[in-house]
Amino acid sequence: MSKGVLMVNLGSPDSTDPKDVKKYLGEFLMDERVIDVPYWARTLLVKGIILNTRPKKSAEAYQKIWWEEGSPLIVLSERLQSKIDDQTSIPIALAMRYGTPSIKQGLQELHDKGVDEVLLFPLYPQFAMATTETILVLAEELRKEHFPEMSFTTVPPFYNHSDYIRTLGNSIAESLKDVEYEHLLFSYHGVPERHIRKSDITNSHCKIDGSCCQSASTAHQFCYRHQCYETTRLVAEYLGMKPNTYSVSFQSRLGFDPWLKPYTDRTIERFGKQGMKKLAIVTPAFVSDCLETLEEIAMEGEEIFHEVGGKEFTVVPCLNDRDEWVKVLSRWIDEWAHQKPVEA
């Protein structure tokens, strides 16, 4: 058996051209685990409405954050892959759930190197239908169809892993070392509330009522909301933060259905209206900076805060290719390669 790793991130358009953005959004939004309505309704919504109105606006947003080397998310993911490759003893391939390089391309790259035992590594700390689950489902479909000789092991969500909490905590502390701030907002990517209920393996625990995420349940292993709040609690504990100096919110909602609350944009606005002058924000649902962190938070979020009287708005970068993060991931990979379980 020859081992290798496939790290998978979200993905990005190939360029900021509206045609490329439309192609990317089409693949992303037609995923049944992203917009989980019947195919006919999803087609009507995505192809009939969204793809006729949104690509131009999204392309303008991507243009604001695009780097000379390309998409920040892709570039940062490639840097992470390269650094891990230097520190590990087995092949490391990179793929994106949407766009290029595709998961099929990543598996083919490993196959061509003789790999038949793959560590699937979704680069998401918390489990969600629209992130981790859709990667695993597609990878398994591709394995059955094109790489039947391969076997998969999956890295579980690491939202509460002590290595991750320490690395994230150290990153926050370093970024805010010389910054005076009144409050630290942990902003996570939002999901529709129905996704939380659909992922509830008990079919009864997740009521999204403010208490279910704090009471013990097997549902938590697939509950995105619980895992976001738990990441926040553990990081705050690690940093010795006092109650009421930090809170959780959710960004990037789409459509009219109820999404996880409180919403980040409205939270930022409320803080400013209440007289807060110095706000810091961190985005722990992402390990790589991307449109949602660089444009939605660092640009739009700051603009909202200033419009309502806020003065200083500090954004903590994602872990990206931070050396401490590279060492953690490299160690996890080597432990798997040498048959040591990756545990919290």
C-alpha atoms as a PDB file:
ATOM      1  CA  MET A   1       0.000   0.000   0.000  1.00  0.00           C
ATOM      2  CA  SER A   2       1.289   3.440  -0.941  1.00  0.00           C
ATOM      3  CA  LYS A   3      -0.096   6.420   0.970  1.00  0.00           C
ATOM      4  CA  GLY A   4      -0.847  10.000  -0.056  1.00  0.00           C
ATOM      5  CA  VAL A   5      -2.929  12.994   0.997  1.00  0.00           C
ATOM      6  CA  LEU A   6      -5.583  14.988  -0.829  1.00  0.00           C
ATOM      7  CA  MET A   7      -6.164  18.373   0.811  1.00  0.00           C
ATOM      8  CA  VAL A   8      -9.428  19.953  -0.358  1.00  0.00           C
ATOM      9  CA  ASN A   9     -10.485  23.583  -0.044  1.00  0.00           C
ATOM     10  CA  LEU A  10     -13.590  25.380  -1.329  1.00  0.00           C
ATOM     11  CA  GLY A  11     -12.386  26.736  -4.662  1.00  0.00           C
ATOM     12  CA  SER A  12     -12.430  29.900  -6.727  1.00  0.00           C
ATOM     13  CA  PRO A  13     -13.197  31.185 -10.220  1.00  0.00           C
ATOM     14  CA  ASP A  14     -10.310  30.871 -12.693  1.00  0.00           C
ATOM     15  CA  SER A  15     -10.300  34.642 -13.148  1.00  0.00           C
ATOM     16  CA  THR A  16     -12.330  37.759 -12.348  1.00  0.00           C
ATOM     17  CA  ASP A  17     -14.000  37.669 -15.764  1.00  0.00           C
ATOM     18  CA  PRO A  18     -17.799  37.506 -15.234  1.00  0.00           C
ATOM     19  CA  LYS A  19     -17.912  34.403 -17.508  1.00  0.00           C
ATOM     20  CA  ASP A  20     -15.495  32.522 -15.233  1.00  0.00           C
ATOM     21  CA  VAL A  21     -17.320  33.740 -12.130  1.00  0.00           C
ATOM     22  CA  LYS A  22     -20.646  32.580 -13.633  1.00  0.00           C
ATOM     23  CA  LYS A  23     -19.194  29.125 -14.373  1.00  0.00           C
ATOM     24  CA  TYR A  24     -17.857  28.825 -10.808  1.00  0.00           C
ATOM     25  CA  LEU A  25     -21.077  30.041  -9.181  1.00  0.00           C
ATOM     26  CA  GLY A  26     -23.066  27.625 -11.328  1.00  0.00           C
ATOM     27  CA  GLU A  27     -21.053  24.637 -10.121  1.00  0.00           C
ATOM     28  CA  PHE A  28     -21.127  25.850  -6.515  1.00  0.00           C
ATOM     29  CA  LEU A  29     -24.797  26.797  -6.238  1.00  0.00           C
ATOM     30  CA  MET A  30     -26.131  23.786  -8.162  1.00  0.00           C
ATOM     31  CA  ASP A  31     -24.632  21.501  -5.507  1.00  0.00           C
ATOM     32  CA  GLU A  32     -27.603  19.874  -3.747  1.00  0.00           C
ATOM     33  CA  ARG A  33     -25.830  20.229  -0.399  1.00  0.00           C
ATOM     34  CA  VAL A  34     -25.375  23.981  -0.847  1.00  0.00           C
ATOM     35  CA  ILE A  35     -28.882  24.830  -2.042  1.00  0.00           C
ATOM     36  CA  ASP A  36     -30.782  21.809  -0.772  1.00  0.00           C
ATOM     37  CA  VAL A  37     -34.082  22.138  -2.589  1.00  0.00           C
ATOM     38  CA  PRO A  38     -35.496  19.871  -5.333  1.00  0.00           C
ATOM     39  CA  TYR A  39     -33.493  19.927  -8.568  1.00  0.00           C
ATOM     40  CA  TRP A  40     -36.201  21.742 -10.540  1.00  0.00           C
ATOM     41  CA  ALA A  41     -36.419  24.508  -7.913  1.00  0.00           C
ATOM     42  CA  ARG A  42     -32.637  24.784  -7.634  1.00  0.00           C
ATOM     43  CA  THR A  43     -32.332  25.036 -11.428  1.00  0.00           C
ATOM     44  CA  LEU A  44     -35.007  27.729 -11.568  1.00  0.00           C
ATOM     45  CA  LEU A  45     -33.369  29.705  -8.768  1.00  0.00           C
ATOM     46  CA  VAL A  46     -29.736  29.333  -9.852  1.00  0.00           C
ATOM     47  CA  LYS A  47     -29.924  29.272 -13.650  1.00  0.00           C
ATOM     48  CA  GLY A  48     -33.078  31.339 -13.974  1.00  0.00           C
ATOM     49  CA  ILE A  49     -32.304  34.091 -11.473  1.00  0.00           C
ATOM     50  CA  ILE A  50     -28.925  34.075  -9.678  1.00  0.00           C
ATOM     51  CA  LEU A  51     -26.683  33.400 -12.690  1.00  0.00           C
ATOM     52  CA  ASN A  52     -28.425  36.189 -14.618  1.00  0.00           C
ATOM     53  CA  THR A  53     -27.896  38.781 -11.903  1.00  0.00           C
ATOM     54  CA  ARG A  54     -25.042  37.882  -9.559  1.00  0.00           C
ATOM     55  CA  PRO A  55     -21.894  37.094 -11.643  1.00  0.00           C
ATOM     56  CA  LYS A  56     -21.197  40.734 -12.565  1.00  0.00           C
ATOM     57  CA  LYS A  57     -21.440  41.890  -8.931  1.00  0.00           C
ATOM     58  CA  SER A  58     -19.397  38.915  -7.698  1.00  0.00           C
ATOM     59  CA  ALA A  59     -16.770  39.541 -10.398  1.00  0.00           C
ATOM     60  CA  GLU A  60     -16.394  43.123  -9.143  1.00  0.00           C
ATOM     61  CA  ALA A  61     -15.920  41.804  -5.606  1.00  0.00           C
ATOM     62  CA  TYR A  62     -13.259  39.317  -6.765  1.00  0.00           C
ATOM     63  CA  GLN A  63     -11.487  42.120  -8.662  1.00  0.00           C
ATOM     64  CA  LYS A  64     -11.047  44.003  -5.371  1.00  0.00           C
ATOM     65  CA  ILE A  65      -9.149  41.158  -3.706  1.00  0.00           C
ATOM     66  CA  TRP A  66      -7.433  39.376  -6.650  1.00  0.00           C
ATOM     67  CA  TRP A  67      -3.653  39.016  -6.434  1.00  0.00           C
ATOM     68  CA  GLU A  68      -1.125  39.156  -9.236  1.00  0.00           C
ATOM     69  CA  GLU A  69      -0.545  35.412  -8.795  1.00  0.00           C
ATOM     70  CA  GLY A  70      -4.292  34.728  -8.947  1.00  0.00           C
ATOM     71  CA  SER A  71      -7.061  33.912  -6.491  1.00  0.00           C
ATOM     72  CA  PRO A  72      -5.894  34.456  -2.887  1.00  0.00           C
ATOM     73  CA  LEU A  73      -7.582  31.247  -1.738  1.00  0.00           C
ATOM     74  CA  ILE A  74      -5.864  29.181  -4.439  1.00  0.00           C
ATOM     75  CA  VAL A  75      -2.466  30.853  -3.954  1.00  0.00           C
ATOM     76  CA  LEU A  76      -2.585  30.458  -0.172  1.00  0.00           C
ATOM     77  CA  SER A  77      -3.717  26.824  -0.478  1.00  0.00           C
ATOM     78  CA  GLU A  78      -0.836  26.127  -2.868  1.00  0.00           C
ATOM     79  CA  ARG A  79       1.639  27.723  -0.463  1.00  0.00           C
ATOM     80  CA  LEU A  80       0.271  25.574   2.350  1.00  0.00           C
ATOM     81  CA  GLN A  81       0.518  22.433   0.215  1.00  0.00           C
ATOM     82  CA  SER A  82       4.097  23.255  -0.805  1.00  0.00           C
ATOM     83  CA  LYS A  83       5.245  23.832   2.773  1.00  0.00           C
ATOM     84  CA  ILE A  84       3.590  20.630   4.014  1.00  0.00           C
ATOM     85  CA  ASP A  85       5.096  18.709   1.110  1.00  0.00           C
ATOM     86  CA  ASP A  86       8.534  19.825   2.300  1.00  0.00           C
ATOM     87  CA  GLN A  87       7.883  18.512   5.815  1.00  0.00           C
ATOM     88  CA  THR A  88       6.166  15.187   5.143  1.00  0.00           C
ATOM     89  CA  SER A  89       7.276  11.874   3.696  1.00  0.00           C
ATOM     90  CA  ILE A  90       4.299  11.077   1.442  1.00  0.00           C
ATOM     91  CA  PRO A  91       2.780  12.768  -1.647  1.00  0.00           C
ATOM     92  CA  ILE A  92       0.496  15.767  -0.966  1.00  0.00           C
ATOM     93  CA  ALA A  93      -2.029  16.761  -3.636  1.00  0.00           C
ATOM     94  CA  LEU A  94      -4.362  19.772  -3.589  1.00  0.00           C
ATOM     95  CA  ALA A  95      -7.897  20.010  -4.928  1.00  0.00           C
ATOM     96  CA  MET A  96     -10.892  22.329  -4.805  1.00  0.00           C
ATOM     97  CA  ARG A  97     -14.493  21.229  -4.369  1.00  0.00           C
ATOM     98  CA  TYR A  98     -15.518  23.720  -7.055  1.00  0.00           C
ATOM     99  CA  GLY A  99     -13.393  24.967  -9.945  1.00  0.00           C
ATOM    100  CA  THR A 100      -9.825  23.849 -10.523  1.00  0.00           C
ATOM    101  CA  PRO A 101      -7.836  21.843  -9.651  1.00  0.00           C
ATOM    102  CA  SER A 102     -10.774  19.452  -9.251  1.00  0.00           C
ATOM    103  CA  ILE A 103     -11.002  16.561  -6.805  1.00  0.00           C
ATOM    104  CA  LYS A 104     -10.782  14.172  -9.766  1.00  0.00           C
ATOM    105  CA  GLN A 105      -7.540  15.868 -10.884  1.00  0.00           C
ATOM    106  CA  GLY A 106      -6.131  15.594  -7.355  1.00  0.00           C
ATOM    107  CA  LEU A 107      -6.970  11.898  -7.097  1.00  0.00           C
ATOM    108  CA  GLN A 108      -5.498  11.320 -10.569  1.00  0.00           C
ATOM    109  CA  GLU A 109      -2.271  13.029  -9.488  1.00  0.00           C
ATOM    110  CA  LEU A 110      -1.997  10.691  -6.502  1.00  0.00           C
ATOM    111  CA  HIS A 111      -2.948   7.669  -8.629  1.00  0.00           C
ATOM    112  CA  ASP A 112      -0.178   8.515 -11.102  1.00  0.00           C
ATOM    113  CA  LYS A 113       2.285   8.445  -8.197  1.00  0.00           C
ATOM    114  CA  GLY A 114       1.173   4.949  -7.258  1.00  0.00           C
ATOM    115  CA  VAL A 115      -0.949   6.005  -4.284  1.00  0.00           C
ATOM    116  CA  ASP A 116      -3.793   3.659  -3.361  1.00  0.00           C
ATOM    117  CA  GLU A 117      -4.436   4.716   0.249  1.00  0.00           C
ATOM    118  CA  VAL A 118      -5.600   8.335   0.469  1.00  0.00           C
ATOM    119  CA  LEU A 119      -6.023  10.605   3.466  1.00  0.00           C
ATOM    120  CA  LEU A 120      -8.889  12.919   2.498  1.00  0.00           C
ATOM    121  CA  PHE A 121      -8.283  16.226   4.246  1.00  0.00           C
ATOM    122  CA  PRO A 122     -11.178  18.731   3.980  1.00  0.00           C
ATOM    123  CA  LEU A 123      -9.657  22.065   5.021  1.00  0.00           C
ATOM    124  CA  TYR A 124     -12.619  22.979   7.221  1.00  0.00           C
ATOM    125  CA  PRO A 125     -12.392  22.994  11.023  1.00  0.00           C
ATOM    126  CA  GLN A 126     -16.161  22.527  11.476  1.00  0.00           C
ATOM    127  CA  PHE A 127     -18.465  19.981   9.803  1.00  0.00           C
ATOM    128  CA  ALA A 128     -21.218  21.255   7.502  1.00  0.00           C
ATOM    129  CA  MET A 129     -23.333  19.737   4.736  1.00  0.00           C
ATOM    130  CA  ALA A 130     -22.166  22.417   2.314  1.00  0.00           C
ATOM    131  CA  THR A 131     -18.448  21.965   3.063  1.00  0.00           C
ATOM    132  CA  THR A 132     -17.118  18.713   4.525  1.00  0.00           C
ATOM    133  CA  GLU A 133     -20.028  16.468   3.540  1.00  0.00           C
ATOM    134  CA  THR A 134     -20.163  17.514  -0.110  1.00  0.00           C
ATOM    135  CA  ILE A 135     -16.398  16.885  -0.453  1.00  0.00           C
ATOM    136  CA  LEU A 136     -16.664  13.379   0.988  1.00  0.00           C
ATOM    137  CA  VAL A 137     -19.700  12.461  -1.113  1.00  0.00           C
ATOM    138  CA  LEU A 138     -18.126  13.616  -4.388  1.00  0.00           C
ATOM    139  CA  ALA A 139     -14.751  12.010  -3.582  1.00  0.00           C
ATOM    140  CA  GLU A 140     -16.458   8.671  -2.922  1.00  0.00           C
ATOM    141  CA  GLU A 141     -18.424   8.900  -6.190  1.00  0.00           C
ATOM    142  CA  LEU A 142     -15.195   9.584  -8.099  1.00  0.00           C
ATOM    143  CA  ARG A 143     -13.386   6.777  -6.304  1.00  0.00           C
ATOM    144  CA  LYS A 144     -16.039   4.221  -7.253  1.00  0.00           C
ATOM    145  CA  GLU A 145     -16.138   5.350 -10.874  1.00  0.00           C
ATOM    146  CA  HIS A 146     -12.466   6.050 -11.631  1.00  0.00           C
ATOM    147  CA  PHE A 147     -10.213   4.807  -8.805  1.00  0.00           C
ATOM    148  CA  PRO A 148     -11.791   1.611  -7.401  1.00  0.00           C
ATOM    149  CA  GLU A 149      -8.434   0.390  -6.114  1.00  0.00           C
ATOM    150  CA  MET A 150      -8.126   3.376  -3.794  1.00  0.00           C
ATOM    151  CA  SER A 151      -9.198   3.433  -0.153  1.00  0.00           C
ATOM    152  CA  PHE A 152      -9.997   6.593   1.807  1.00  0.00           C
ATOM    153  CA  THR A 153      -9.412   7.701   5.368  1.00  0.00           C
ATOM    154  CA  THR A 154     -10.989  11.025   6.298  1.00  0.00           C
ATOM    155  CA  VAL A 155      -9.623  13.641   8.684  1.00  0.00           C
ATOM    156  CA  PRO A 156     -12.526  14.438  11.034  1.00  0.00           C
ATOM    157  CA  PRO A 157     -13.537  18.028  11.846  1.00  0.00           C
ATOM    158  CA  PHE A 158     -10.790  19.499  14.019  1.00  0.00           C
ATOM    159  CA  TYR A 159     -12.767  22.387  15.536  1.00  0.00           C
ATOM    160  CA  ASN A 160     -11.891  21.287  19.078  1.00  0.00           C
ATOM    161  CA  HIS A 161      -8.478  19.696  18.502  1.00  0.00           C
ATOM    162  CA  SER A 162      -5.997  21.098  20.999  1.00  0.00           C
ATOM    163  CA  ASP A 163      -3.384  21.690  18.255  1.00  0.00           C
ATOM    164  CA  TYR A 164      -5.853  23.713  16.198  1.00  0.00           C
ATOM    165  CA  ILE A 165      -7.129  25.702  19.184  1.00  0.00           C
ATOM    166  CA  ARG A 166      -3.578  26.535  20.237  1.00  0.00           C
ATOM    167  CA  THR A 167      -2.546  27.564  16.718  1.00  0.00           C
ATOM    168  CA  LEU A 168      -5.656  29.694  16.190  1.00  0.00           C
ATOM    169  CA  GLY A 169      -5.291  31.238  19.648  1.00  0.00           C
ATOM    170  CA  ASN A 170      -1.634  32.072  19.034  1.00  0.00           C
ATOM    171  CA  SER A 171      -2.500  33.585  15.648  1.00  0.00           C
ATOM    172  CA  ILE A 172      -5.138  35.826  17.248  1.00  0.00           C
ATOM    173  CA  ALA A 173      -2.836  36.846  20.092  1.00  0.00           C
ATOM    174  CA  GLU A 174      -0.031  37.685  17.665  1.00  0.00           C
ATOM    175  CA  SER A 175      -2.304  39.714  15.357  1.00  0.00           C
ATOM    176  CA  LEU A 176      -3.799  41.696  18.241  1.00  0.00           C
ATOM    177  CA  LYS A 177      -0.585  42.049  20.270  1.00  0.00           C
ATOM    178  CA  ASP A 178      -0.291  45.800  19.708  1.00  0.00           C
ATOM    179  CA  VAL A 179      -3.977  46.475  19.051  1.00  0.00           C
ATOM    180  CA  GLU A 180      -6.366  48.055  21.496  1.00  0.00           C
ATOM    181  CA  TYR A 181      -9.839  46.644  20.973  1.00  0.00           C
ATOM    182  CA  GLU A 182     -13.062  46.588  22.946  1.00  0.00           C
ATOM    183  CA  HIS A 183     -14.512  43.367  21.557  1.00  0.00           C
ATOM    184  CA  LEU A 184     -13.431  40.332  19.483  1.00  0.00           C
ATOM    185  CA  LEU A 185     -16.101  39.043  17.092  1.00  0.00           C
ATOM    186  CA  PHE A 186     -15.791  35.426  15.895  1.00  0.00           C
ATOM    187  CA  SER A 187     -17.523  35.482  12.495  1.00  0.00           C
ATOM    188  CA  TYR A 188     -18.318  32.097  10.950  1.00  0.00           C
ATOM    189  CA  HIS A 189     -19.758  31.368   7.528  1.00  0.00           C
ATOM    190  CA  GLY A 190     -23.519  31.085   7.817  1.00  0.00           C
ATOM    191  CA  VAL A 191     -25.695  28.142   6.813  1.00  0.00           C
ATOM    192  CA  PRO A 192     -29.486  27.848   6.610  1.00  0.00           C
ATOM    193  CA  GLU A 193     -31.034  26.714   9.895  1.00  0.00           C
ATOM    194  CA  ARG A 194     -32.566  23.738   8.087  1.00  0.00           C
ATOM    195  CA  HIS A 195     -29.026  22.411   7.399  1.00  0.00           C
ATOM    196  CA  ILE A 196     -28.500  22.130  11.145  1.00  0.00           C
ATOM    197  CA  ARG A 197     -31.711  20.145  11.558  1.00  0.00           C
ATOM    198  CA  LYS A 198     -30.956  17.946   8.528  1.00  0.00           C
ATOM    199  CA  SER A 199     -27.553  17.042  10.008  1.00  0.00           C
ATOM    200  CA  ASP A 200     -29.079  16.112  13.395  1.00  0.00           C
ATOM    201  CA  ILE A 201     -28.577  12.345  13.642  1.00  0.00           C
ATOM    202  CA  THR A 202     -30.931  12.222  16.656  1.00  0.00           C
ATOM    203  CA  ASN A 203     -33.720  13.978  14.701  1.00  0.00           C
ATOM    204  CA  SER A 204     -34.693  15.789  17.876  1.00  0.00           C
ATOM    205  CA  HIS A 205     -31.769  17.507  19.629  1.00  0.00           C
ATOM    206  CA  CYS A 206     -31.075  20.528  17.416  1.00  0.00           C
ATOM    207  CA  LYS A 207     -33.686  23.146  18.195  1.00  0.00           C
ATOM    208  CA  ILE A 208     -31.393  26.163  17.675  1.00  0.00           C
ATOM    209  CA  ASP A 209     -32.819  27.617  20.861  1.00  0.00           C
ATOM    210  CA  GLY A 210     -29.657  28.821  22.574  1.00  0.00           C
ATOM    211  CA  SER A 211     -29.304  25.822  24.869  1.00  0.00           C
ATOM    212  CA  CYS A 212     -29.107  22.725  22.657  1.00  0.00           C
ATOM    213  CA  CYS A 213     -25.523  23.499  21.590  1.00  0.00           C
ATOM    214  CA  GLN A 214     -24.447  23.564  25.252  1.00  0.00           C
ATOM    215  CA  SER A 215     -26.119  20.304  26.330  1.00  0.00           C
ATOM    216  CA  ALA A 216     -24.253  17.075  25.562  1.00  0.00           C
ATOM    217  CA  SER A 217     -25.484  15.098  22.552  1.00  0.00           C
ATOM    218  CA  THR A 218     -24.245  12.759  19.833  1.00  0.00           C
ATOM    219  CA  ALA A 219     -25.774  15.317  17.441  1.00  0.00           C
ATOM    220  CA  HIS A 220     -22.778  17.569  18.068  1.00  0.00           C
ATOM    221  CA  GLN A 221     -20.457  15.503  15.869  1.00  0.00           C
ATOM    222  CA  PHE A 222     -22.395  16.832  12.852  1.00  0.00           C
ATOM    223  CA  CYS A 223     -23.705  20.119  14.259  1.00  0.00           C
ATOM    224  CA  TYR A 224     -22.025  23.089  12.611  1.00  0.00           C
ATOM    225  CA  ARG A 225     -23.518  25.584  15.059  1.00  0.00           C
ATOM    226  CA  HIS A 226     -22.296  23.678  18.121  1.00  0.00           C
ATOM    227  CA  GLN A 227     -18.834  23.308  16.606  1.00  0.00           C
ATOM    228  CA  CYS A 228     -18.570  27.048  15.892  1.00  0.00           C
ATOM    229  CA  TYR A 229     -19.544  27.943  19.444  1.00  0.00           C
ATOM    230  CA  GLU A 230     -17.196  25.297  20.830  1.00  0.00           C
ATOM    231  CA  THR A 231     -14.251  26.624  18.786  1.00  0.00           C
ATOM    232  CA  THR A 232     -14.983  30.082  20.184  1.00  0.00           C
ATOM    233  CA  ARG A 233     -15.302  28.835  23.771  1.00  0.00           C
ATOM    234  CA  LEU A 234     -12.043  26.891  23.633  1.00  0.00           C
ATOM    235  CA  VAL A 235     -10.070  29.734  22.006  1.00  0.00           C
ATOM    236  CA  ALA A 236     -11.438  32.249  24.522  1.00  0.00           C
ATOM    237  CA  GLU A 237     -10.471  29.868  27.330  1.00  0.00           C
ATOM    238  CA  TYR A 238      -6.992  29.398  25.829  1.00  0.00           C
ATOM    239  CA  LEU A 239      -6.505  33.179  25.598  1.00  0.00           C
ATOM    240  CA  GLY A 240      -7.992  33.823  29.046  1.00  0.00           C
ATOM    241  CA  MET A 241     -10.638  36.149  27.641  1.00  0.00           C
ATOM    242  CA  LYS A 242     -13.246  37.623  29.961  1.00  0.00           C
ATOM    243  CA  PRO A 243     -16.978  37.088  29.332  1.00  0.00           C
ATOM    244  CA  ASN A 244     -18.650  39.803  27.235  1.00  0.00           C
ATOM    245  CA  THR A 245     -15.347  40.696  25.507  1.00  0.00           C
ATOM    246  CA  TYR A 246     -16.083  38.322  22.620  1.00  0.00           C
ATOM    247  CA  SER A 247     -19.089  36.909  20.764  1.00  0.00           C
ATOM    248  CA  VAL A 248     -20.150  34.803  17.762  1.00  0.00           C
ATOM    249  CA  SER A 249     -21.899  35.814  14.536  1.00  0.00           C
ATOM    250  CA  PHE A 250     -22.555  34.309  11.090  1.00  0.00           C
ATOM    251  CA  GLN A 251     -21.865  35.882   7.688  1.00  0.00           C
ATOM    252  CA  SER A 252     -22.593  35.358   3.978  1.00  0.00           C
ATOM    253  CA  ARG A 253     -26.305  34.492   3.977  1.00  0.00           C
ATOM    254  CA  LEU A 254     -28.112  33.897   0.687  1.00  0.00           C
ATOM    255  CA  GLY A 255     -31.834  34.002  -0.085  1.00  0.00           C
ATOM    256  CA  PHE A 256     -34.769  34.548   2.247  1.00  0.00           C
ATOM    257  CA  ASP A 257     -34.840  31.441   4.440  1.00  0.00           C
ATOM    258  CA  PRO A 258     -33.711  31.782   8.078  1.00  0.00           C
ATOM    259  CA  TRP A 259     -29.948  31.383   8.434  1.00  0.00           C
ATOM    260  CA  LEU A 260     -27.941  31.048  11.616  1.00  0.00           C
ATOM    261  CA  LYS A 261     -28.083  34.211  13.708  1.00  0.00           C
ATOM    262  CA  PRO A 262     -26.869  36.686  14.751  1.00  0.00           C
ATOM    263  CA  TYR A 263     -25.817  38.002  11.333  1.00  0.00           C
ATOM    264  CA  THR A 264     -22.312  39.469  11.151  1.00  0.00           C
ATOM    265  CA  ASP A 265     -23.186  42.614   9.188  1.00  0.00           C
ATOM    266  CA  ARG A 266     -26.009  43.518  11.570  1.00  0.00           C
ATOM    267  CA  THR A 267     -23.842  42.723  14.586  1.00  0.00           C
ATOM    268  CA  ILE A 268     -21.087  45.061  13.353  1.00  0.00           C
ATOM    269  CA  GLU A 269     -23.706  47.761  12.733  1.00  0.00           C
ATOM    270  CA  ARG A 270     -25.230  47.271  16.202  1.00  0.00           C
ATOM    271  CA  PHE A 271     -21.832  47.513  17.918  1.00  0.00           C
ATOM    272  CA  GLY A 272     -21.102  50.809  16.157  1.00  0.00           C
ATOM    273  CA  LYS A 273     -24.529  52.245  17.001  1.00  0.00           C
ATOM    274  CA  GLN A 274     -23.999  51.285  20.645  1.00  0.00           C
ATOM    275  CA  GLY A 275     -20.860  53.428  20.700  1.00  0.00           C
ATOM    276  CA  MET A 276     -18.155  50.826  20.230  1.00  0.00           C
ATOM    277  CA  LYS A 277     -15.082  52.431  18.640  1.00  0.00           C
ATOM    278  CA  LYS A 278     -12.568  49.564  18.375  1.00  0.00           C
ATOM    279  CA  LEU A 279     -13.621  46.181  17.035  1.00  0.00           C
ATOM    280  CA  ALA A 280     -11.493  43.146  16.144  1.00  0.00           C
ATOM    281  CA  ILE A 281     -12.814  40.261  14.060  1.00  0.00           C
ATOM    282  CA  VAL A 282     -11.599  36.734  13.298  1.00  0.00           C
ATOM    283  CA  THR A 283     -13.058  34.199  10.823  1.00  0.00           C
ATOM    284  CA  PRO A 284     -12.363  30.656  12.089  1.00  0.00           C
ATOM    285  CA  ALA A 285     -14.592  28.820   9.593  1.00  0.00           C
ATOM    286  CA  PHE A 286     -11.887  29.488   6.996  1.00  0.00           C
ATOM    287  CA  VAL A 287      -8.264  28.330   7.120  1.00  0.00           C
ATOM    288  CA  SER A 288      -7.363  30.388   4.017  1.00  0.00           C
ATOM    289  CA  ASP A 289      -8.208  34.014   3.310  1.00  0.00           C
ATOM    290  CA  CYS A 290     -10.733  34.335   0.501  1.00  0.00           C
ATOM    291  CA  LEU A 291     -13.540  36.524  -0.847  1.00  0.00           C
ATOM    292  CA  GLU A 292     -15.543  36.115   2.373  1.00  0.00           C
ATOM    293  CA  THR A 293     -12.695  37.318   4.583  1.00  0.00           C
ATOM    294  CA  LEU A 294     -10.852  39.805   2.367  1.00  0.00           C
ATOM    295  CA  GLU A 295     -13.844  41.548   0.782  1.00  0.00           C
ATOM    296  CA  GLU A 296     -16.964  40.790   2.825  1.00  0.00           C
ATOM    297  CA  ILE A 297     -15.313  41.283   6.226  1.00  0.00           C
ATOM    298  CA  ALA A 298     -12.166  43.381   5.712  1.00  0.00           C
ATOM    299  CA  MET A 299     -13.799  45.793   3.232  1.00  0.00           C
ATOM    300  CA  GLU A 300     -17.597  45.687   3.595  1.00  0.00           C
ATOM    301  CA  GLY A 301     -17.473  45.027   7.353  1.00  0.00           C
ATOM    302  CA  GLU A 302     -15.096  47.894   7.956  1.00  0.00           C
ATOM    303  CA  GLU A 303     -17.249  50.204   5.834  1.00  0.00           C
ATOM    304  CA  ILE A 304     -20.360  49.319   7.880  1.00  0.00           C
ATOM    305  CA  PHE A 305     -18.478  49.916  11.144  1.00  0.00           C
ATOM    306  CA  HIS A 306     -17.195  53.323  10.044  1.00  0.00           C
ATOM    307  CA  GLU A 307     -20.622  54.376   8.733  1.00  0.00           C
ATOM    308  CA  VAL A 308     -22.133  53.958  12.207  1.00  0.00           C
ATOM    309  CA  GLY A 309     -19.358  55.740  14.077  1.00  0.00           C
ATOM    310  CA  GLY A 310     -16.775  52.999  14.637  1.00  0.00           C
ATOM    311  CA  LYS A 311     -13.128  54.016  14.385  1.00  0.00           C
ATOM    312  CA  GLU A 312     -10.709  51.056  14.452  1.00  0.00           C
ATOM    313  CA  PHE A 313     -11.574  47.784  12.711  1.00  0.00           C
ATOM    314  CA  THR A 314      -8.931  45.049  12.926  1.00  0.00           C
ATOM    315  CA  VAL A 315      -9.207  41.796  10.967  1.00  0.00           C
ATOM    316  CA  VAL A 316      -7.183  38.775  12.111  1.00  0.00           C
ATOM    317  CA  PRO A 317      -5.810  36.896   9.058  1.00  0.00           C
ATOM    318  CA  CYS A 318      -6.726  33.251   8.551  1.00  0.00           C
ATOM    319  CA  LEU A 319      -4.122  30.611   9.415  1.00  0.00           C
ATOM    320  CA  ASN A 320      -3.103  30.455   5.724  1.00  0.00           C
ATOM    321  CA  ASP A 321       0.469  29.080   5.487  1.00  0.00           C
ATOM    322  CA  ARG A 322       1.481  30.155   8.992  1.00  0.00           C
ATOM    323  CA  ASP A 323       4.509  28.080  10.085  1.00  0.00           C
ATOM    324  CA  GLU A 324       2.901  26.800  13.282  1.00  0.00           C
ATOM    325  CA  TRP A 325      -0.121  25.641  11.267  1.00  0.00           C
ATOM    326  CA  VAL A 326       2.108  23.923   8.695  1.00  0.00           C
ATOM    327  CA  LYS A 327       3.859  22.010  11.502  1.00  0.00           C
ATOM    328  CA  VAL A 328       0.538  20.896  12.991  1.00  0.00           C
ATOM    329  CA  LEU A 329      -0.858  19.619   9.693  1.00  0.00           C
ATOM    330  CA  SER A 330       2.454  17.965   8.781  1.00  0.00           C
ATOM    331  CA  ARG A 331       2.499  16.155  12.111  1.00  0.00           C
ATOM    332  CA  TRP A 332      -1.106  14.970  11.719  1.00  0.00           C
ATOM    333  CA  ILE A 333      -0.257  13.635   8.256  1.00  0.00           C
ATOM    334  CA  ASP A 334       2.900  11.862   9.408  1.00  0.00           C
ATOM    335  CA  GLU A 335       1.026  10.340  12.353  1.00  0.00           C
ATOM    336  CA  TRP A 336      -1.517   8.912   9.912  1.00  0.00           C
ATOM    337  CA  ALA A 337       1.206   7.744   7.532  1.00  0.00           C
ATOM    338  CA  HIS A 338       2.784   5.824  10.408  1.00  0.00           C
ATOM    339  CA  GLN A 339      -0.549   4.505  11.731  1.00  0.00           C
ATOM    340  CA  LYS A 340      -0.946   6.796  14.723  1.00  0.00           C
ATOM    341  CA  PRO A 341      -4.536   8.060  15.062  1.00  0.00           C
ATOM    342  CA  VAL A 342      -5.164  11.795  14.764  1.00  0.00           C
ATOM    343  CA  GLU A 343      -7.083  12.518  17.957  1.00  0.00           C
ATOM    344  CA  ALA A 344      -8.092  15.585  19.913  1.00  0.00           C
END
